[in-house]
Amino acid sequence: MKKHTIFSYVAILAFSSLGTAFAQESDCQENITSPERVVYGLNGNLFIPSQDFNSEIPYAKYLPSFIEAANLLKVKGIDLVIVPVSHKGLTEVNQLNLDDPIQKSYKWQKSRKDYETFISGLIANKINVIDVLKIAEQTNGQFINKTDWHWKPQSAKMVAEATASIVKKIPSYSQIPVREFSTTDYMVSLVDGAAYYADQLKKRCGFENKNVETVEASKTQMQSKLDLLSDDTPQIILVGTSFSASPWNFSGYLEQSLQREISNYAVVGGGVHSGIQSYLLGDEFEKNKPKVIIWEFDVDRLYDSVLEQHHWQQLLDLLKSNCDNMQPSFVGKIENRITDLKFKTKGSNVIVKFSFSNLGIRFFDVSLYKSAVAFPITNVGRWEFIQNSGDFYVKIPDSDELTITIPDFIKDFQSDYSITFCKTIK
């Protein structure tokens, strides 16, 4: 198995809350008004209300985008399988302590209905999707680790087997070379790695959680030797989050079930988009188009925010674009603090590929002009977790000129740049 997991698992836990702000030391268990505090459920389960009891996940808003992304990949000859991991408060609903007002007020019925409607919407549009909540309910409240928000290795195995059953039905699966794998089990203590909630409990309250959680993890390795005359490039790609990283072995369980090699492009802490965008914007995707992409993400990272909307727009514009064999229309260097870079546009409703050699340029503005009349500024940006060649894809309407403005807060602004006007997939 080729692993491309970006960032080590242990290192990222220092700041991987992604939407759960770190609290002050005074924000302890006694502060019952704080949604960021750690609360005790039943049987040693810990929860953080702001992420585990979120009943306002914007599924309906982004359902059309998931459908469009799957259909655009299909045009490129790639089948997408979506694995939306339901959040802890929903998968472990029978572990809630209803004597706690915060846990009692969680609208888990709404959360379940919204998740099920999302799954049904994808299925109705013939999109491959795994109902992770249905699998979780088979574990009777033991799907997620007690002191963390990630799935247990055995839960990852169950989801991997369900995912494999769908992948095996994809026609191109039979064309992928067979490999042999073996999986070995070992015990791992979560207190030094993935016991995130227990760690927060200690930081916020100085309280040492003495119930050290130990789980049976697994490691999968390829056994069969590669045929030197065959193409050993994996044709099944996993793009995901820390759920697809160690020690949960989701990618390994997939390989064991599929008997096919998988290339894992998980981005720990990267939310919904970082894994798939890092892969699609990388050199490997340009050189070797896969047959299947498995897209895993945790649903509570689906934010109703401007940046989330920009991520979606760039992802869809990337998939709509066809820049193959197209040369940049403009190239140059940014060497001094320049207020604006102005360019004449070519064509109407085209997708423009902006490329910067300086990966520190993660945000910039695009202003469009038609007959000297300015269009509203389009803010373009990405999370630091998205690792790529510095490419951004933006669809622009009919216009005569565009202007790029790099904001003042980017200090190291020197960079090569290129601008390519790409064809659009109908």
Protein backbone atom coordinates (compact mmCIF):
# COMPACT_ATOMS: atom_id res chain seq x y z
CA MET A 1 0.00 0.00 0.00
CA LYS A 2 1.36 3.39 -0.95
CA LYS A 3 0.82 5.89 1.83
CA HIS A 4 0.72 9.61 1.21
CA THR A 5 -0.83 10.67 4.52
CA ILE A 6 -0.02 14.35 4.99
CA PHE A 7 1.13 15.26 8.56
CA SER A 8 1.81 12.70 11.25
CA TYR A 9 -1.12 11.64 13.39
CA VAL A 10 0.37 12.41 16.78
CA ALA A 11 1.76 15.79 15.76
CA ILE A 12 -1.49 17.09 14.39
CA LEU A 13 -3.48 16.29 17.53
CA ALA A 14 -1.95 19.35 19.14
CA PHE A 15 -4.19 21.55 17.03
CA SER A 16 -6.64 19.29 15.24
CA SER A 17 -9.90 20.42 16.80
CA LEU A 18 -10.86 22.28 13.56
CA GLY A 19 -13.81 24.21 14.75
CA THR A 20 -13.52 23.42 18.47
CA ALA A 21 -11.71 26.39 19.96
CA PHE A 22 -9.23 25.86 22.75
CA ALA A 23 -10.63 27.11 26.02
CA GLN A 24 -8.95 29.00 28.81
CA GLU A 25 -7.87 27.11 31.91
CA SER A 26 -10.85 28.60 33.74
CA ASP A 27 -13.19 26.89 31.27
CA CYS A 28 -13.55 23.72 33.28
CA GLN A 29 -16.25 21.16 34.03
CA GLU A 30 -17.99 23.58 36.35
CA ASN A 31 -18.53 26.05 33.50
CA ILE A 32 -21.80 24.54 32.32
CA THR A 33 -22.45 27.34 29.82
CA SER A 34 -19.46 26.52 27.60
CA PRO A 35 -20.16 24.36 24.52
CA GLU A 36 -16.40 23.72 24.27
CA ARG A 37 -16.03 21.93 27.57
CA VAL A 38 -15.58 18.19 27.88
CA VAL A 39 -18.67 16.47 29.29
CA TYR A 40 -19.07 12.99 30.70
CA GLY A 41 -21.44 10.58 29.04
CA LEU A 42 -22.11 7.01 30.17
CA ASN A 43 -19.59 4.18 30.52
CA GLY A 44 -16.52 6.44 30.36
CA ASN A 45 -17.49 8.18 27.12
CA LEU A 46 -16.37 11.80 26.76
CA PHE A 47 -18.00 14.40 24.49
CA ILE A 48 -17.37 17.97 23.38
CA PRO A 49 -20.83 19.49 22.80
CA SER A 50 -19.82 21.96 20.06
CA GLN A 51 -18.81 19.20 17.66
CA ASP A 52 -20.47 16.05 19.00
CA PHE A 53 -23.92 17.56 19.49
CA ASN A 54 -24.07 19.55 16.28
CA SER A 55 -27.59 19.27 14.86
CA GLU A 56 -27.17 21.99 12.21
CA ILE A 57 -24.85 20.31 9.70
CA PRO A 58 -25.69 21.84 6.26
CA TYR A 59 -26.25 18.58 4.35
CA ALA A 60 -28.99 19.97 2.12
CA LYS A 61 -26.87 22.94 1.08
CA TYR A 62 -24.03 20.78 -0.22
CA LEU A 63 -25.92 17.71 -1.46
CA PRO A 64 -26.05 19.10 -5.06
CA SER A 65 -22.30 19.72 -4.91
CA PHE A 66 -21.53 16.13 -3.90
CA ILE A 67 -23.75 14.89 -6.74
CA GLU A 68 -22.10 17.19 -9.25
CA ALA A 69 -18.60 16.18 -8.13
CA ALA A 70 -19.43 12.48 -8.55
CA ASN A 71 -20.92 13.05 -12.00
CA LEU A 72 -17.96 15.16 -13.15
CA LEU A 73 -15.52 12.45 -12.04
CA LYS A 74 -17.65 9.92 -13.92
CA VAL A 75 -17.16 11.97 -17.10
CA LYS A 76 -13.42 11.58 -16.52
CA GLY A 77 -13.86 7.80 -16.24
CA ILE A 78 -13.56 7.72 -12.43
CA ASP A 79 -16.11 6.19 -10.06
CA LEU A 80 -16.55 7.96 -6.73
CA VAL A 81 -17.54 6.23 -3.48
CA ILE A 82 -18.51 8.61 -0.65
CA VAL A 83 -17.95 7.61 2.99
CA PRO A 84 -19.53 10.25 5.28
CA VAL A 85 -18.62 9.42 8.89
CA SER A 86 -21.42 10.45 11.26
CA HIS A 87 -20.33 12.34 14.39
CA LYS A 88 -19.91 10.89 17.87
CA GLY A 89 -23.00 12.34 19.51
CA LEU A 90 -25.12 10.56 16.91
CA THR A 91 -23.30 7.24 16.64
CA GLU A 92 -23.08 6.97 20.45
CA VAL A 93 -26.48 8.42 21.25
CA ASN A 94 -27.23 5.67 23.78
CA GLN A 95 -24.09 6.70 25.68
CA LEU A 96 -25.47 10.16 26.47
CA ASN A 97 -26.03 11.03 30.10
CA LEU A 98 -29.51 12.53 30.07
CA ASP A 99 -29.04 13.87 33.61
CA ASP A 100 -26.72 16.46 32.03
CA PRO A 101 -28.82 19.35 30.60
CA ILE A 102 -26.44 19.84 27.65
CA GLN A 103 -26.62 16.19 26.60
CA LYS A 104 -30.35 16.04 27.19
CA SER A 105 -30.93 19.07 24.94
CA TYR A 106 -29.03 17.59 21.98
CA LYS A 107 -31.45 17.21 19.04
CA TRP A 108 -30.18 13.81 17.98
CA GLN A 109 -33.45 12.90 16.24
CA LYS A 110 -32.94 15.87 13.90
CA SER A 111 -29.29 14.88 13.38
CA ARG A 112 -30.32 11.36 12.43
CA LYS A 113 -33.05 12.52 10.07
CA ASP A 114 -30.73 15.02 8.35
CA TYR A 115 -28.01 12.40 7.91
CA GLU A 116 -30.45 9.81 6.56
CA THR A 117 -31.94 12.37 4.16
CA PHE A 118 -28.43 13.14 2.89
CA ILE A 119 -27.71 9.45 2.27
CA SER A 120 -31.09 8.98 0.58
CA GLY A 121 -30.47 12.00 -1.65
CA LEU A 122 -27.18 10.56 -2.87
CA ILE A 123 -28.68 7.12 -3.47
CA ALA A 124 -31.63 8.65 -5.36
CA ASN A 125 -29.11 10.25 -7.72
CA LYS A 126 -27.24 6.94 -8.17
CA ILE A 127 -24.18 8.08 -6.23
CA ASN A 128 -22.15 5.38 -4.47
CA VAL A 129 -22.36 6.08 -0.73
CA ILE A 130 -21.84 4.19 2.53
CA ASP A 131 -24.45 4.65 5.27
CA VAL A 132 -21.93 4.83 8.12
CA LEU A 133 -24.63 5.58 10.70
CA LYS A 134 -26.47 2.36 9.89
CA ILE A 135 -23.21 0.44 10.40
CA ALA A 136 -22.51 2.31 13.63
CA GLU A 137 -25.92 1.41 15.05
CA GLN A 138 -24.96 -2.27 14.77
CA THR A 139 -22.24 -1.71 17.41
CA ASN A 140 -24.72 -0.60 20.09
CA GLY A 141 -22.89 2.59 21.04
CA GLN A 142 -19.36 1.26 20.68
CA PHE A 143 -18.47 2.63 17.27
CA ILE A 144 -16.29 5.55 18.43
CA ASN A 145 -13.47 5.50 20.99
CA LYS A 146 -14.57 6.59 24.47
CA THR A 147 -11.89 9.28 24.90
CA ASP A 148 -11.68 10.43 21.27
CA TRP A 149 -13.96 11.19 18.30
CA HIS A 150 -12.46 8.66 15.86
CA TRP A 151 -13.85 5.25 15.06
CA LYS A 152 -12.43 2.16 16.66
CA PRO A 153 -10.30 -0.07 14.41
CA GLN A 154 -13.02 -2.72 14.34
CA SER A 155 -15.52 -0.04 13.30
CA ALA A 156 -13.16 1.01 10.52
CA LYS A 157 -13.05 -2.63 9.43
CA MET A 158 -16.85 -2.82 9.23
CA VAL A 159 -17.02 0.35 7.13
CA ALA A 160 -14.16 -0.87 4.93
CA GLU A 161 -15.97 -4.15 4.22
CA ALA A 162 -19.18 -2.26 3.33
CA THR A 163 -17.17 0.06 1.07
CA ALA A 164 -15.44 -2.89 -0.59
CA SER A 165 -18.79 -4.51 -1.38
CA ILE A 166 -19.74 -1.41 -3.40
CA VAL A 167 -16.35 -1.09 -5.11
CA LYS A 168 -16.56 -4.72 -6.23
CA LYS A 169 -19.73 -3.89 -8.16
CA ILE A 170 -17.95 -1.18 -10.19
CA PRO A 171 -17.16 -2.62 -13.66
CA SER A 172 -13.54 -1.41 -13.68
CA TYR A 173 -12.78 -3.28 -10.43
CA SER A 174 -12.19 -6.54 -12.29
CA GLN A 175 -9.54 -4.81 -14.43
CA ILE A 176 -7.38 -3.89 -11.42
CA PRO A 177 -4.47 -6.26 -10.63
CA VAL A 178 -5.06 -8.66 -7.72
CA ARG A 179 -2.73 -8.43 -4.71
CA GLU A 180 -2.45 -10.50 -1.54
CA PHE A 181 -2.45 -8.90 1.90
CA SER A 182 -2.08 -10.01 5.49
CA THR A 183 -3.28 -8.18 8.58
CA THR A 184 -1.75 -8.45 12.04
CA ASP A 185 -3.31 -7.19 15.24
CA TYR A 186 -1.66 -5.34 18.12
CA MET A 187 -2.81 -3.40 21.16
CA VAL A 188 -2.48 0.37 21.28
CA SER A 189 -3.02 2.76 24.17
CA LEU A 190 -4.84 5.91 23.12
CA VAL A 191 -3.58 8.01 26.01
CA ASP A 192 -0.37 8.92 24.15
CA GLY A 193 -1.89 9.41 20.74
CA ALA A 194 -5.56 9.65 19.95
CA ALA A 195 -7.17 10.22 23.36
CA TYR A 196 -7.96 13.78 22.37
CA TYR A 197 -10.83 14.43 24.77
CA ALA A 198 -8.88 13.11 27.74
CA ASP A 199 -6.02 15.37 26.73
CA GLN A 200 -8.37 18.37 26.61
CA LEU A 201 -9.73 17.42 30.01
CA LYS A 202 -6.24 17.60 31.46
CA LYS A 203 -5.41 20.90 29.72
CA ARG A 204 -8.60 22.66 30.69
CA CYS A 205 -9.15 21.34 34.17
CA GLY A 206 -5.86 19.80 35.26
CA PHE A 207 -7.83 16.59 35.66
CA GLU A 208 -6.07 13.35 34.78
CA ASN A 209 -8.41 10.85 33.17
CA LYS A 210 -7.35 7.60 34.81
CA ASN A 211 -9.42 5.38 32.55
CA VAL A 212 -6.71 4.73 29.96
CA GLU A 213 -8.34 3.45 26.78
CA THR A 214 -6.65 0.56 25.00
CA VAL A 215 -7.92 -0.80 21.69
CA GLU A 216 -6.95 -3.65 19.39
CA ALA A 217 -5.47 -2.07 16.27
CA SER A 218 -4.27 -3.69 13.06
CA LYS A 219 -1.65 -3.27 10.37
CA THR A 220 -2.06 -4.55 6.82
CA GLN A 221 0.83 -5.35 4.50
CA MET A 222 1.05 -6.56 0.92
CA GLN A 223 2.31 -10.12 0.55
CA SER A 224 2.36 -10.75 -3.20
CA LYS A 225 5.30 -9.52 -5.21
CA LEU A 226 4.61 -7.09 -8.00
CA ASP A 227 5.03 -8.26 -11.58
CA LEU A 228 7.90 -6.16 -12.91
CA LEU A 229 6.22 -6.05 -16.31
CA SER A 230 2.90 -4.77 -14.97
CA ASP A 231 1.86 -1.28 -13.99
CA ASP A 232 2.16 -1.09 -10.19
CA THR A 233 0.41 2.27 -9.92
CA PRO A 234 -2.60 1.83 -7.57
CA GLN A 235 -5.86 2.45 -9.40
CA ILE A 236 -7.96 2.86 -6.25
CA ILE A 237 -7.35 6.09 -4.35
CA LEU A 238 -8.41 6.88 -0.78
CA VAL A 239 -8.81 10.57 0.03
CA GLY A 240 -9.82 11.27 3.58
CA THR A 241 -9.03 12.56 7.03
CA SER A 242 -7.49 11.20 10.23
CA PHE A 243 -10.14 8.45 10.10
CA SER A 244 -8.11 7.07 7.18
CA ALA A 245 -4.77 7.38 9.01
CA SER A 246 -3.06 5.28 11.70
CA PRO A 247 -3.88 3.53 13.91
CA TRP A 248 -7.40 2.88 12.55
CA ASN A 249 -6.14 0.97 9.47
CA PHE A 250 -9.12 1.89 7.27
CA SER A 251 -7.01 1.77 4.11
CA GLY A 252 -5.50 -1.55 5.18
CA TYR A 253 -8.90 -3.10 5.80
CA LEU A 254 -9.97 -1.86 2.37
CA GLU A 255 -6.98 -3.57 0.77
CA GLN A 256 -7.64 -6.78 2.69
CA SER A 257 -11.29 -6.82 1.59
CA LEU A 258 -10.68 -5.77 -2.03
CA GLN A 259 -7.41 -7.65 -2.60
CA ARG A 260 -6.32 -4.57 -4.50
CA GLU A 261 -3.62 -2.02 -3.69
CA ILE A 262 -4.77 1.40 -2.51
CA SER A 263 -2.93 4.69 -2.48
CA ASN A 264 -3.85 6.63 0.66
CA TYR A 265 -3.94 10.43 0.38
CA ALA A 266 -5.47 11.16 3.78
CA VAL A 267 -4.85 14.61 5.23
CA VAL A 268 -5.01 14.52 9.02
CA GLY A 269 -6.97 17.51 10.29
CA GLY A 270 -7.93 18.51 6.77
CA GLY A 271 -11.72 18.49 6.99
CA VAL A 272 -13.95 17.59 4.05
CA HIS A 273 -11.87 18.99 1.19
CA SER A 274 -8.16 18.82 1.93
CA GLY A 275 -7.67 15.16 1.05
CA ILE A 276 -9.48 15.18 -2.27
CA GLN A 277 -8.16 18.57 -3.37
CA SER A 278 -4.57 17.76 -2.39
CA TYR A 279 -4.78 14.64 -4.54
CA LEU A 280 -6.59 16.16 -7.53
CA LEU A 281 -4.20 19.11 -7.58
CA GLY A 282 -1.11 16.91 -7.37
CA ASP A 283 1.19 15.50 -10.00
CA GLU A 284 0.07 11.90 -9.48
CA PHE A 285 -3.48 12.63 -10.62
CA GLU A 286 -2.16 14.42 -13.68
CA LYS A 287 0.03 11.47 -14.66
CA ASN A 288 -2.18 8.53 -13.70
CA LYS A 289 -5.95 8.81 -13.58
CA PRO A 290 -7.40 6.20 -11.18
CA LYS A 291 -10.43 4.03 -11.73
CA VAL A 292 -11.96 4.58 -8.27
CA ILE A 293 -11.75 7.34 -5.65
CA ILE A 294 -13.00 6.64 -2.11
CA TRP A 295 -13.82 9.93 -0.36
CA GLU A 296 -14.00 9.65 3.44
CA PHE A 297 -14.78 12.64 5.67
CA ASP A 298 -16.37 13.37 9.05
CA VAL A 299 -19.66 15.17 8.55
CA ASP A 300 -19.27 17.61 11.45
CA ARG A 301 -16.48 19.28 9.43
CA LEU A 302 -19.01 20.27 6.76
CA TYR A 303 -19.23 23.96 7.65
CA ASP A 304 -21.72 26.59 6.56
CA SER A 305 -19.01 29.17 5.92
CA VAL A 306 -17.69 31.35 3.12
CA LEU A 307 -14.40 29.43 3.00
CA GLU A 308 -16.27 26.12 2.74
CA GLN A 309 -18.26 27.51 -0.19
CA HIS A 310 -15.03 28.63 -1.89
CA HIS A 311 -13.60 25.14 -1.42
CA TRP A 312 -16.61 23.64 -3.12
CA GLN A 313 -16.51 26.11 -5.99
CA GLN A 314 -12.81 25.49 -6.63
CA LEU A 315 -13.29 21.72 -6.46
CA LEU A 316 -16.14 21.79 -8.96
CA ASP A 317 -14.35 24.25 -11.25
CA LEU A 318 -11.27 22.01 -11.14
CA LEU A 319 -13.38 19.00 -12.16
CA LYS A 320 -15.15 20.98 -14.89
CA SER A 321 -11.88 22.20 -16.40
CA ASN A 322 -9.86 20.60 -19.16
CA CYS A 323 -6.41 22.15 -19.23
CA ASP A 324 -4.68 19.25 -20.98
CA ASN A 325 -2.16 20.37 -23.58
CA MET A 326 -3.02 24.02 -22.95
CA GLN A 327 -0.20 26.50 -22.56
CA PRO A 328 -0.42 29.41 -20.09
CA SER A 329 -1.54 32.68 -21.62
CA PHE A 330 0.46 34.72 -19.14
CA VAL A 331 3.59 33.94 -17.13
CA GLY A 332 5.72 36.14 -14.95
CA LYS A 333 7.28 36.84 -11.58
CA ILE A 334 6.01 38.72 -8.56
CA GLU A 335 9.17 40.27 -7.15
CA ASN A 336 7.96 43.46 -5.54
CA ARG A 337 4.91 44.49 -3.61
CA ILE A 338 2.51 44.98 -6.50
CA THR A 339 -1.01 46.17 -5.83
CA ASP A 340 -2.59 44.56 -8.88
CA LEU A 341 -1.76 42.22 -11.75
CA LYS A 342 -3.99 42.97 -14.75
CA PHE A 343 -4.73 40.62 -17.65
CA LYS A 344 -7.00 40.55 -20.66
CA THR A 345 -9.45 37.68 -20.53
CA LYS A 346 -9.98 35.17 -23.33
CA GLY A 347 -13.48 33.90 -23.99
CA SER A 348 -16.60 34.00 -21.87
CA ASN A 349 -17.55 31.73 -18.98
CA VAL A 350 -14.13 30.09 -19.00
CA ILE A 351 -12.29 28.43 -16.13
CA VAL A 352 -9.04 30.15 -15.29
CA LYS A 353 -6.20 28.21 -13.72
CA PHE A 354 -4.04 30.43 -11.50
CA SER A 355 -0.68 28.91 -10.56
CA PHE A 356 1.82 30.24 -8.01
CA SER A 357 5.20 28.71 -7.20
CA ASN A 358 4.98 30.19 -3.69
CA LEU A 359 2.61 27.93 -1.73
CA GLY A 360 2.38 30.66 0.90
CA ILE A 361 0.03 32.54 -1.43
CA ARG A 362 -3.16 30.91 -0.24
CA PHE A 363 -5.52 33.88 -0.59
CA PHE A 364 -6.01 36.51 -3.27
CA ASP A 365 -8.77 38.58 -4.85
CA VAL A 366 -9.96 38.48 -8.45
CA SER A 367 -11.79 41.52 -9.83
CA LEU A 368 -13.51 41.28 -13.20
CA TYR A 369 -14.23 44.11 -15.63
CA LYS A 370 -16.61 44.34 -18.56
CA SER A 371 -16.60 47.57 -20.60
CA ALA A 372 -14.70 49.23 -17.74
CA VAL A 373 -17.44 48.27 -15.27
CA ALA A 374 -16.17 46.34 -12.26
CA PHE A 375 -17.78 43.07 -11.14
CA PRO A 376 -17.85 42.18 -7.43
CA ILE A 377 -14.52 40.93 -6.13
CA THR A 378 -14.19 37.14 -5.88
CA ASN A 379 -12.17 35.98 -2.88
CA VAL A 380 -10.06 32.93 -3.65
CA GLY A 381 -8.44 30.90 -0.91
CA ARG A 382 -7.66 27.53 0.57
CA TRP A 383 -6.79 25.96 3.93
CA GLU A 384 -3.14 25.44 4.72
CA PHE A 385 -3.88 21.70 4.86
CA ILE A 386 -4.42 21.58 1.09
CA GLN A 387 -1.02 20.69 -0.30
CA ASN A 388 -0.65 21.15 -4.04
CA SER A 389 1.33 22.86 -6.76
CA GLY A 390 -0.16 26.25 -5.95
CA ASP A 391 -3.03 25.91 -8.42
CA PHE A 392 -6.45 27.57 -8.11
CA TYR A 393 -9.39 27.11 -10.48
CA VAL A 394 -11.97 29.87 -10.87
CA LYS A 395 -14.80 30.12 -13.39
CA ILE A 396 -15.19 33.68 -14.66
CA PRO A 397 -18.20 35.10 -16.55
CA ASP A 398 -18.05 37.17 -19.72
CA SER A 399 -15.49 39.93 -19.11
CA ASP A 400 -12.73 41.93 -20.77
CA GLU A 401 -10.16 42.07 -18.02
CA LEU A 402 -9.30 40.54 -14.69
CA THR A 403 -7.17 41.85 -11.88
CA ILE A 404 -5.37 39.81 -9.23
CA THR A 405 -4.76 41.46 -5.87
CA ILE A 406 -2.57 39.70 -3.31
CA PRO A 407 -3.49 40.82 0.21
CA ASP A 408 -1.05 42.71 2.40
CA PHE A 409 -1.00 40.06 5.14
CA ILE A 410 0.96 37.71 2.84
CA LYS A 411 4.51 38.80 3.64
CA ASP A 412 6.55 36.39 1.50
CA PHE A 413 4.89 37.34 -1.75
CA GLN A 414 7.69 36.66 -4.26
CA SER A 415 6.57 34.00 -6.68
CA ASP A 416 6.46 32.79 -10.25
CA TYR A 417 2.93 32.75 -11.64
CA SER A 418 1.07 31.57 -14.70
CA ILE A 419 -2.49 32.01 -15.92
CA THR A 420 -4.16 29.46 -18.18
CA PHE A 421 -7.58 29.81 -19.78
CA CYS A 422 -8.91 26.25 -19.80
CA LYS A 423 -11.59 24.49 -21.76
CA THR A 424 -14.76 23.58 -19.91
CA ILE A 425 -16.28 20.11 -19.77
CA LYS A 426 -19.87 20.35 -20.94
